[in-house]
Amino acid sequence: MENKLRSKAEQRADEHSCKLLLNCYIRELGPERADYMQLNPETLTYSITFPTSGVRVMGLLSYYSAMGEHEYLSMNSNGQTVHYRDLVRWISCEMIGDGSPDNVQREAVEEEHDIGTKAKQATDRLTDFMEKVENSAANLTMYIEQASGFGAQDYTTSEQSVLYGHPFHPFPKNSKGFTAQDVQRYSPELRTSFQLCYIAVRQDVYAAEWVEHADKIDLKQLLASQEWPVSKGKLGLYELLPVHPWQYAHILHLDEVQSYIREEKLLLLGTAGPLAYPTSSVRTVYVPAWNCSIKLSLNMQITNMIRTNSAEQMRRTLDASRYVRQQACFDAEPQTHIAYETGAATCRFEDEKLTSLFTVAFRPIEFDPANTYVLSSLVESPWHGAPSRLAIMLGDRRDHVTYGKTESKQPARHEPSELEYANHEYIQSAADGQWRAVHSAGTAKHNAANRDKVEQWLSQYLACSLLPLVRAAGEKGIHFEAHLQNTLVTLEQGMPVAFIVRDLEGVSVDRELINELSVEQRAVRSSGTGRQADQKLGPISEQKHKGNGGLDQLQDQYELQDQYEWHGLHSNPGPKREPSGLLFYAREQAWARTSYYFIVNHLGSLIHVLARDLDVPEEYFWMLVREVLEAELTRTGNVYVEHLLTADAFLAKQNLVSCLTGISQTPAYVPVSNVMKCLGSEAGEIRGIRN
């Protein structure tokens, strides 16, 4: 076991890292290792055995989660506290130490020299995995020390309040490539801001593309008053490109870039312009002075991915921006909006990997930044043991009033007085210092009122998020990666009035539905008949396994481009530019995108914190989701809604397995039980809880 931790912040970071690792392990390996995992929702006890290491981890839960986002009171082995390095060793031994389980590592060693190679690969993967977990834990320690208690009063501060990150990732705060000083300078969690760097790119190697429905962002005009180190006449032969300061320093060491500088294809202009605020994704920055976000490239790991902008990603992004607008995706949904990427720009190199180091995308801000929040911030707690920010808002417990002003980089160092929180049914345990809800006869009436308010909030939220998303999926075949970090909500008096989805690189389109609609449109033109827009599409079984037929017929409507190069960018693409084939997927793949990102990831964590903070089962709120979908199915016959209600399980990313086995670029998936289907026979009991 590890030595005594150095600080309270380090202890909190260690505990959270343990929670992440164990919850990932239980979700991802549970289906095949159920005999080694026991969790009792009645007694709130658990026991997880790691047979390869001969170790059993056991303890108490503070909350049992139907979706697997369990909260832990204790985590012990042989009477000693477990630390995250222990779990990394034990988990890695189960997964790669002995070549099992078979579905994680299928390696047949046929020649003797392969044994050493495979052993080295396994050791390298384990070392890399441990380094990333340690990096994430170290960063989290710093964030807890310096930023715990920061409030989320508006869009900017909410983007910079996501201290903990993805609840089902083994190292969500990994930023391998940043030094400790870089973390201090560029981490959004520490409320940083900085000027961007700029490069002048000669027009013969500059490439940009702008969608037709939006204005081009003219950096020369925006920076017209800036004094540059080159003459205006010379600068007229160039275009400006913004670069993250870290990336600016990084690319200067590359031989190909130095060659471009000597040839004056690139001019280095240094830092300039208004302040940029890094958002929760780290590499995307928000520039309030321009009312725009810029998706920059960072050639380093955030979580487990190198965050550069590839040509394929930009092609998908711009095609999606065009296609979704052409299809009038949410035009009938006044409370549902899309934050469109409107353009991309880069410096061209023969090597596309080099080009990706310079590529940026622009996303104008069209929502109210004073009252809009990123969802991933609202589901987090502002300090250890407190309820979520959303619960605080709904209970009128304003964390930003008690915990200092956002202008300061240092939060108020005191925790709330017991009197303050006793008035709101929260007190601090003398045993472990955590803040917990008080459940007594004196608070029962207030708790019921809180449940009613939260249920009202969730109902309004589902009306502007879930329902428009499933309508877009079922009626137009459009699916989004609407996870918590990709979605925003605008609040008025704490209640949701607008839902915004962003990052269109994750859009996928059901090509089978598009093919069906195209065939139907041709039939309508020839006969004047056709089904109504809201008519049920037919049994799910009839929609599956259509092979490439849908894609082949799609060519009648769309020009498919399997390959894309920045050299082929259209600076003036015209109003009829069609999307490439990159957007279109088989039905099961497209459906799986919304099912995972919004149902499992988004609603799973949102419902978890709402239920946990009210001390009710998650099923309480999943029943509300089920009822909303049942009403929608009755009204529209939407086959995707039918799928959500009847599927046995949804697929979720195996982030732990994928990271530890080196397949993050093509991650594995694991089925997660569909709570809504399981609730079918328990509807009366759940409704009884609500009443």
Foldseek 3Di string as FASTA:
>chain_A
DDDDDDDPLLVVLFLLLVLQLVLLCCFPVVVPPVVQWDADQVQQKIWGALVLVRWIKIAGWPHDALLSSTHGPAIDIPRDGDTNVNSLVSVLCAQQVVQDDCVLGPDDDDDPVVVVVSVVLLVVLSVVLVVLLVQLSVLLSVLQVFQQLAADQWALSQQLQLSNDFSNFSRQAGWPPADPVSCCAQRSVLVHKDFWWKKWAFPVQKFKAFDDPDDDDQVCVQCVVPDWPDDPVVSVRTGMATAHPVLVVVVVPDPVVVVCVVVVSMDTGTTDDAMWRQGNQRQWTQGVVQQKIKRAAAQTDRRHDRRFQAQLLVLQQSQLLLVCVVVCLCVVQVQEAEQHFGMKMFGDDPDRVVGRSRIMIMTGHDDDRSFKHQQSQQLDCSHAQDAGNLLCLLLVNRSDVVWDHSVDSGTDPDDDDQVVCVVVQWGADPVPRHIAGHDDPVCPVVLLVSLVSVLVQVVQVCSAPVVSQLCSCQQVQKHALQARRQKMFGDDSSHGRHIYGYSSSRIAGALLVVLVVVVQVVVCVVPVDHDDSLAAPDAPVVLDDPPCPSVVSCVVPADADPDDDSVPHDHPCDDPHHRHPPRYDHSVVRLLSRCANPVSRHLSSVLVSSCSRSVHHSLLVLLVVLVVLVVVCVVRVRNSSVCLQPPQWHWYFSNVSCSSSVNVVPTDIDTRGRSNNVCPVVSVVSVVVSD
